[in-house]
PDB file of all heavy atoms in Angstrom:
ATOM      1  N   LEU A   1     129.129  85.346  75.674  1.00  0.00           N
ATOM      2  CA  LEU A   1     128.642  86.415  74.822  1.00  0.00           C
ATOM      3  C   LEU A   1     127.772  87.370  75.644  1.00  0.00           C
ATOM      4  O   LEU A   1     127.798  88.604  75.443  1.00  0.00           O
ATOM      5  CB  LEU A   1     127.841  85.839  73.667  1.00  0.00           C
ATOM      6  CG  LEU A   1     127.275  86.853  72.661  1.00  0.00           C
ATOM      7  CD1 LEU A   1     128.408  87.652  72.012  1.00  0.00           C
ATOM      8  CD2 LEU A   1     126.444  86.134  71.602  1.00  0.00           C
ATOM      9  N   GLN A   2     127.000  86.849  76.580  1.00  0.00           N
ATOM     10  CA  GLN A   2     126.178  87.710  77.417  1.00  0.00           C
ATOM     11  C   GLN A   2     127.041  88.616  78.316  1.00  0.00           C
ATOM     12  O   GLN A   2     126.703  89.773  78.541  1.00  0.00           O
ATOM     13  CB  GLN A   2     125.246  86.849  78.298  1.00  0.00           C
ATOM     14  CG  GLN A   2     124.231  86.058  77.508  1.00  0.00           C
ATOM     15  CD  GLN A   2     123.336  85.218  78.386  1.00  0.00           C
ATOM     16  OE1 GLN A   2     123.346  85.380  79.607  1.00  0.00           O
ATOM     17  NE2 GLN A   2     122.580  84.308  77.791  1.00  0.00           N
ATOM     18  N   ASP A   3     128.162  88.057  78.816  1.00  0.00           N
ATOM     19  CA  ASP A   3     129.037  88.854  79.661  1.00  0.00           C
ATOM     20  C   ASP A   3     129.695  89.981  78.867  1.00  0.00           C
ATOM     21  O   ASP A   3     129.837  91.115  79.355  1.00  0.00           O
ATOM     22  CB  ASP A   3     130.096  87.970  80.301  1.00  0.00           C
ATOM     23  CG  ASP A   3     129.494  86.956  81.255  1.00  0.00           C
ATOM     24  OD1 ASP A   3     128.366  87.212  81.744  1.00  0.00           O
ATOM     25  OD2 ASP A   3     130.120  85.903  81.488  1.00  0.00           O
ATOM     26  N   VAL A   4     130.106  89.688  77.630  1.00  0.00           N
ATOM     27  CA  VAL A   4     130.756  90.699  76.807  1.00  0.00           C
ATOM     28  C   VAL A   4     129.788  91.801  76.423  1.00  0.00           C
ATOM     29  O   VAL A   4     130.116  92.994  76.471  1.00  0.00           O
ATOM     30  CB  VAL A   4     131.386  90.050  75.564  1.00  0.00           C
ATOM     31  CG1 VAL A   4     131.906  91.130  74.598  1.00  0.00           C
ATOM     32  CG2 VAL A   4     132.521  89.129  75.955  1.00  0.00           C
ATOM     33  N   CYS A   5     128.600  91.445  76.045  1.00  0.00           N
ATOM     34  CA  CYS A   5     127.612  92.417  75.570  1.00  0.00           C
ATOM     35  C   CYS A   5     126.814  93.067  76.704  1.00  0.00           C
ATOM     36  O   CYS A   5     125.997  93.939  76.440  1.00  0.00           O
ATOM     37  CB  CYS A   5     126.643  91.751  74.573  1.00  0.00           C
ATOM     38  SG  CYS A   5     127.433  91.091  73.114  1.00  0.00           S
ATOM     39  N   LYS A   6     127.039  92.611  77.946  1.00  0.00           N
ATOM     40  CA  LYS A   6     126.286  93.150  79.084  1.00  0.00           C
ATOM     41  C   LYS A   6     124.787  92.976  78.898  1.00  0.00           C
ATOM     42  O   LYS A   6     123.978  93.884  79.155  1.00  0.00           O
ATOM     43  CB  LYS A   6     126.622  94.639  79.303  1.00  0.00           C
ATOM     44  CG  LYS A   6     128.097  94.941  79.459  1.00  0.00           C
ATOM     45  CD  LYS A   6     128.699  94.278  80.673  1.00  0.00           C
ATOM     46  CE  LYS A   6     130.183  94.639  80.807  1.00  0.00           C
ATOM     47  NZ  LYS A   6     130.798  93.978  82.001  1.00  0.00           N
ATOM     48  N   TRP A   7     124.419  91.802  78.354  1.00  0.00           N
ATOM     49  CA  TRP A   7     122.992  91.544  78.051  1.00  0.00           C
ATOM     50  C   TRP A   7     122.460  90.481  78.974  1.00  0.00           C
ATOM     51  O   TRP A   7     123.138  89.489  79.268  1.00  0.00           O
ATOM     52  CB  TRP A   7     122.855  91.107  76.609  1.00  0.00           C
ATOM     53  CG  TRP A   7     121.450  90.690  76.231  1.00  0.00           C
ATOM     54  CD1 TRP A   7     120.425  91.535  75.883  1.00  0.00           C
ATOM     55  CD2 TRP A   7     120.932  89.362  76.146  1.00  0.00           C
ATOM     56  NE1 TRP A   7     119.298  90.820  75.605  1.00  0.00           N
ATOM     57  CE2 TRP A   7     119.589  89.469  75.747  1.00  0.00           C
ATOM     58  CE3 TRP A   7     121.479  88.108  76.375  1.00  0.00           C
ATOM     59  CZ2 TRP A   7     118.787  88.368  75.591  1.00  0.00           C
ATOM     60  CZ3 TRP A   7     120.680  86.998  76.198  1.00  0.00           C
ATOM     61  CH2 TRP A   7     119.341  87.128  75.817  1.00  0.00           C
ATOM     62  N   GLN A   8     121.266  90.667  79.469  1.00  0.00           N
ATOM     63  CA  GLN A   8     120.627  89.698  80.342  1.00  0.00           C
ATOM     64  C   GLN A   8     119.318  89.260  79.733  1.00  0.00           C
ATOM     65  O   GLN A   8     118.519  90.098  79.286  1.00  0.00           O
ATOM     66  CB  GLN A   8     120.371  90.307  81.727  1.00  0.00           C
ATOM     67  CG  GLN A   8     121.649  90.602  82.516  1.00  0.00           C
ATOM     68  CD  GLN A   8     121.331  91.163  83.889  1.00  0.00           C
ATOM     69  OE1 GLN A   8     120.181  91.409  84.223  1.00  0.00           O
ATOM     70  NE2 GLN A   8     122.378  91.324  84.686  1.00  0.00           N
ATOM     71  N   ALA A   9     119.131  87.953  79.688  1.00  0.00           N
ATOM     72  CA  ALA A   9     117.880  87.427  79.134  1.00  0.00           C
ATOM     73  C   ALA A   9     116.720  87.685  80.063  1.00  0.00           C
ATOM     74  O   ALA A   9     116.875  87.673  81.300  1.00  0.00           O
ATOM     75  CB  ALA A   9     118.028  85.919  78.892  1.00  0.00           C
ATOM     76  N   SER A  10     115.575  87.948  79.464  1.00  0.00           N
ATOM     77  CA  SER A  10     114.380  88.178  80.272  1.00  0.00           C
ATOM     78  C   SER A  10     113.891  86.873  80.880  1.00  0.00           C
ATOM     79  O   SER A  10     114.238  85.777  80.415  1.00  0.00           O
ATOM     80  CB  SER A  10     113.280  88.801  79.398  1.00  0.00           C
ATOM     81  OG  SER A  10     112.986  87.944  78.334  1.00  0.00           O
ATOM     82  N   ASN A  11     113.124  86.978  81.910  1.00  0.00           N
ATOM     83  CA  ASN A  11     112.583  85.819  82.593  1.00  0.00           C
ATOM     84  C   ASN A  11     111.504  85.197  81.716  1.00  0.00           C
ATOM     85  O   ASN A  11     110.415  85.751  81.575  1.00  0.00           O
ATOM     86  CB  ASN A  11     112.014  86.209  83.959  1.00  0.00           C
ATOM     87  CG  ASN A  11     111.635  84.977  84.775  1.00  0.00           C
ATOM     88  OD1 ASN A  11     111.766  83.836  84.318  1.00  0.00           O
ATOM     89  ND2 ASN A  11     111.155  85.219  85.992  1.00  0.00           N
ATOM     90  N   THR A  12     111.828  84.046  81.137  1.00  0.00           N
ATOM     91  CA  THR A  12     110.869  83.400  80.221  1.00  0.00           C
ATOM     92  C   THR A  12     109.738  82.690  80.954  1.00  0.00           C
ATOM     93  O   THR A  12     108.792  82.225  80.324  1.00  0.00           O
ATOM     94  CB  THR A  12     111.614  82.397  79.347  1.00  0.00           C
ATOM     95  OG1 THR A  12     112.279  81.434  80.172  1.00  0.00           O
ATOM     96  CG2 THR A  12     112.631  83.094  78.454  1.00  0.00           C
ATOM     97  N   LEU A  13     109.878  82.581  82.292  1.00  0.00           N
ATOM     98  CA  LEU A  13     108.824  81.886  83.029  1.00  0.00           C
ATOM     99  C   LEU A  13     107.608  82.764  83.228  1.00  0.00           C
ATOM    100  O   LEU A  13     106.507  82.286  83.468  1.00  0.00           O
ATOM    101  CB  LEU A  13     109.353  81.429  84.397  1.00  0.00           C
ATOM    102  CG  LEU A  13     110.513  80.408  84.340  1.00  0.00           C
ATOM    103  CD1 LEU A  13     110.979  80.070  85.759  1.00  0.00           C
ATOM    104  CD2 LEU A  13     110.104  79.136  83.613  1.00  0.00           C
ATOM    105  N   GLU A  14     107.804  84.105  83.146  1.00  0.00           N
ATOM    106  CA  GLU A  14     106.696  84.990  83.313  1.00  0.00           C
ATOM    107  C   GLU A  14     105.961  85.195  82.002  1.00  0.00           C
ATOM    108  O   GLU A  14     106.510  85.023  80.922  1.00  0.00           O
ATOM    109  CB  GLU A  14     107.213  86.339  83.824  1.00  0.00           C
ATOM    110  CG  GLU A  14     107.864  86.282  85.203  1.00  0.00           C
ATOM    111  CD  GLU A  14     108.323  87.636  85.665  1.00  0.00           C
ATOM    112  OE1 GLU A  14     108.180  88.599  84.873  1.00  0.00           O
ATOM    113  OE2 GLU A  14     108.833  87.742  86.784  1.00  0.00           O
ATOM    114  N   LEU A  15     104.694  85.590  82.087  1.00  0.00           N
ATOM    115  CA  LEU A  15     103.879  85.822  80.898  1.00  0.00           C
ATOM    116  C   LEU A  15     104.357  87.083  80.187  1.00  0.00           C
ATOM    117  O   LEU A  15     104.838  88.028  80.839  1.00  0.00           O
ATOM    118  CB  LEU A  15     102.414  85.950  81.278  1.00  0.00           C
ATOM    119  CG  LEU A  15     101.731  84.669  81.795  1.00  0.00           C
ATOM    120  CD1 LEU A  15     100.300  84.991  82.216  1.00  0.00           C
ATOM    121  CD2 LEU A  15     101.751  83.582  80.735  1.00  0.00           C
ATOM    122  N   SER A  16     104.200  87.114  78.892  1.00  0.00           N
ATOM    123  CA  SER A  16     104.554  88.282  78.120  1.00  0.00           C
ATOM    124  C   SER A  16     103.612  89.434  78.502  1.00  0.00           C
ATOM    125  O   SER A  16     102.406  89.240  78.696  1.00  0.00           O
ATOM    126  CB  SER A  16     104.446  87.998  76.622  1.00  0.00           C
ATOM    127  OG  SER A  16     104.588  89.184  75.882  1.00  0.00           O
ATOM    128  N   PRO A  17     104.135  90.653  78.615  1.00  0.00           N
ATOM    129  CA  PRO A  17     103.250  91.799  78.942  1.00  0.00           C
ATOM    130  C   PRO A  17     102.225  92.075  77.885  1.00  0.00           C
ATOM    131  O   PRO A  17     101.257  92.790  78.129  1.00  0.00           O
ATOM    132  CB  PRO A  17     104.238  92.959  79.087  1.00  0.00           C
ATOM    133  CG  PRO A  17     105.438  92.564  78.295  1.00  0.00           C
ATOM    134  CD  PRO A  17     105.529  91.085  78.438  1.00  0.00           C
ATOM    135  N   ASN A  18     102.409  91.534  76.645  1.00  0.00           N
ATOM    136  CA  ASN A  18     101.423  91.754  75.582  1.00  0.00           C
ATOM    137  C   ASN A  18     100.265  90.792  75.634  1.00  0.00           C
ATOM    138  O   ASN A  18      99.308  90.930  74.876  1.00  0.00           O
ATOM    139  CB  ASN A  18     102.123  91.645  74.231  1.00  0.00           C
ATOM    140  CG  ASN A  18     103.207  92.683  74.037  1.00  0.00           C
ATOM    141  OD1 ASN A  18     103.063  93.833  74.509  1.00  0.00           O
ATOM    142  ND2 ASN A  18     104.302  92.326  73.394  1.00  0.00           N
ATOM    143  N   LEU A  19     100.359  89.781  76.498  1.00  0.00           N
ATOM    144  CA  LEU A  19      99.300  88.789  76.609  1.00  0.00           C
ATOM    145  C   LEU A  19      98.520  89.021  77.880  1.00  0.00           C
ATOM    146  O   LEU A  19      99.056  89.478  78.897  1.00  0.00           O
ATOM    147  CB  LEU A  19      99.886  87.370  76.602  1.00  0.00           C
ATOM    148  CG  LEU A  19     100.591  86.924  75.331  1.00  0.00           C
ATOM    149  CD1 LEU A  19     101.155  85.524  75.512  1.00  0.00           C
ATOM    150  CD2 LEU A  19      99.606  86.938  74.151  1.00  0.00           C
ATOM    151  N   PRO A  20      97.228  88.696  77.872  1.00  0.00           N
ATOM    152  CA  PRO A  20      96.424  88.867  79.094  1.00  0.00           C
ATOM    153  C   PRO A  20      96.846  87.860  80.159  1.00  0.00           C
ATOM    154  O   PRO A  20      97.405  86.811  79.865  1.00  0.00           O
ATOM    155  CB  PRO A  20      94.987  88.613  78.608  1.00  0.00           C
ATOM    156  CG  PRO A  20      95.150  87.768  77.400  1.00  0.00           C
ATOM    157  CD  PRO A  20      96.426  88.212  76.740  1.00  0.00           C
ATOM    158  N   GLN A  21      96.594  88.207  81.393  1.00  0.00           N
ATOM    159  CA  GLN A  21      96.906  87.291  82.496  1.00  0.00           C
ATOM    160  C   GLN A  21      95.989  86.085  82.446  1.00  0.00           C
ATOM    161  O   GLN A  21      95.008  86.034  81.703  1.00  0.00           O
ATOM    162  CB  GLN A  21      96.728  88.041  83.830  1.00  0.00           C
ATOM    163  CG  GLN A  21      97.636  89.247  83.984  1.00  0.00           C
ATOM    164  CD  GLN A  21      99.104  88.856  84.005  1.00  0.00           C
ATOM    165  OE1 GLN A  21      99.466  87.799  84.541  1.00  0.00           O
ATOM    166  NE2 GLN A  21      99.950  89.697  83.427  1.00  0.00           N
ATOM    167  N   ALA A  22      96.387  85.074  83.194  1.00  0.00           N
ATOM    168  CA  ALA A  22      95.587  83.840  83.239  1.00  0.00           C
ATOM    169  C   ALA A  22      94.174  84.162  83.698  1.00  0.00           C
ATOM    170  O   ALA A  22      93.945  84.839  84.703  1.00  0.00           O
ATOM    171  CB  ALA A  22      96.214  82.833  84.213  1.00  0.00           C
ATOM    172  N   GLY A  23      93.209  83.698  82.954  1.00  0.00           N
ATOM    173  CA  GLY A  23      91.819  83.956  83.248  1.00  0.00           C
ATOM    174  C   GLY A  23      91.325  85.310  82.776  1.00  0.00           C
ATOM    175  O   GLY A  23      90.218  85.716  83.103  1.00  0.00           O
ATOM    176  N   GLY A  24      92.173  86.011  81.985  1.00  0.00           N
ATOM    177  CA  GLY A  24      91.780  87.328  81.509  1.00  0.00           C
ATOM    178  C   GLY A  24      91.022  87.343  80.216  1.00  0.00           C
ATOM    179  O   GLY A  24      90.599  88.394  79.760  1.00  0.00           O
ATOM    180  N   TRP A  25      90.841  86.149  79.587  1.00  0.00           N
ATOM    181  CA  TRP A  25      90.092  86.082  78.337  1.00  0.00           C
ATOM    182  C   TRP A  25      88.614  86.292  78.611  1.00  0.00           C
ATOM    183  O   TRP A  25      88.067  85.821  79.609  1.00  0.00           O
ATOM    184  CB  TRP A  25      90.298  84.749  77.649  1.00  0.00           C
ATOM    185  CG  TRP A  25      91.717  84.481  77.248  1.00  0.00           C
ATOM    186  CD1 TRP A  25      92.616  83.699  77.879  1.00  0.00           C
ATOM    187  CD2 TRP A  25      92.374  85.040  76.127  1.00  0.00           C
ATOM    188  NE1 TRP A  25      93.807  83.722  77.216  1.00  0.00           N
ATOM    189  CE2 TRP A  25      93.707  84.528  76.123  1.00  0.00           C
ATOM    190  CE3 TRP A  25      92.015  85.927  75.114  1.00  0.00           C
ATOM    191  CZ2 TRP A  25      94.628  84.870  75.180  1.00  0.00           C
ATOM    192  CZ3 TRP A  25      92.947  86.260  74.149  1.00  0.00           C
ATOM    193  CH2 TRP A  25      94.235  85.728  74.177  1.00  0.00           C
ATOM    194  N   ALA A  26      87.938  87.003  77.728  1.00  0.00           N
ATOM    195  CA  ALA A  26      86.504  87.269  77.909  1.00  0.00           C
ATOM    196  C   ALA A  26      85.719  86.069  77.383  1.00  0.00           C
ATOM    197  O   ALA A  26      85.269  86.043  76.242  1.00  0.00           O
ATOM    198  CB  ALA A  26      86.106  88.541  77.151  1.00  0.00           C
ATOM    199  N   VAL A  27      85.585  85.059  78.222  1.00  0.00           N
ATOM    200  CA  VAL A  27      84.830  83.869  77.879  1.00  0.00           C
ATOM    201  C   VAL A  27      83.761  83.652  78.949  1.00  0.00           C
ATOM    202  O   VAL A  27      83.841  84.193  80.072  1.00  0.00           O
ATOM    203  CB  VAL A  27      85.755  82.628  77.797  1.00  0.00           C
ATOM    204  CG1 VAL A  27      86.771  82.820  76.684  1.00  0.00           C
ATOM    205  CG2 VAL A  27      86.474  82.376  79.099  1.00  0.00           C
ATOM    206  N   PRO A  28      82.728  82.870  78.663  1.00  0.00           N
ATOM    207  CA  PRO A  28      81.688  82.627  79.650  1.00  0.00           C
ATOM    208  C   PRO A  28      82.264  81.980  80.910  1.00  0.00           C
ATOM    209  O   PRO A  28      83.259  81.255  80.847  1.00  0.00           O
ATOM    210  CB  PRO A  28      80.723  81.691  78.913  1.00  0.00           C
ATOM    211  CG  PRO A  28      80.959  81.948  77.476  1.00  0.00           C
ATOM    212  CD  PRO A  28      82.412  82.286  77.347  1.00  0.00           C
ATOM    213  N   PRO A  29      81.677  82.228  82.037  1.00  0.00           N
ATOM    214  CA  PRO A  29      82.168  81.640  83.285  1.00  0.00           C
ATOM    215  C   PRO A  29      82.107  80.120  83.251  1.00  0.00           C
ATOM    216  O   PRO A  29      81.185  79.516  82.708  1.00  0.00           O
ATOM    217  CB  PRO A  29      81.192  82.195  84.346  1.00  0.00           C
ATOM    218  CG  PRO A  29      80.591  83.415  83.718  1.00  0.00           C
ATOM    219  CD  PRO A  29      80.564  83.149  82.254  1.00  0.00           C
ATOM    220  N   GLY A  30      83.139  79.511  83.802  1.00  0.00           N
ATOM    221  CA  GLY A  30      83.202  78.051  83.857  1.00  0.00           C
ATOM    222  C   GLY A  30      83.781  77.393  82.623  1.00  0.00           C
ATOM    223  O   GLY A  30      83.844  76.165  82.588  1.00  0.00           O
TER     224      GLY A  30
END
């Protein structure tokens, strides 16, 4: 089905662009 529709799945191993990067939450240090 992917070959027929010319669709490629996104890389699910990477973080979503809508979420902050690791350690990006505003929390106290440590």
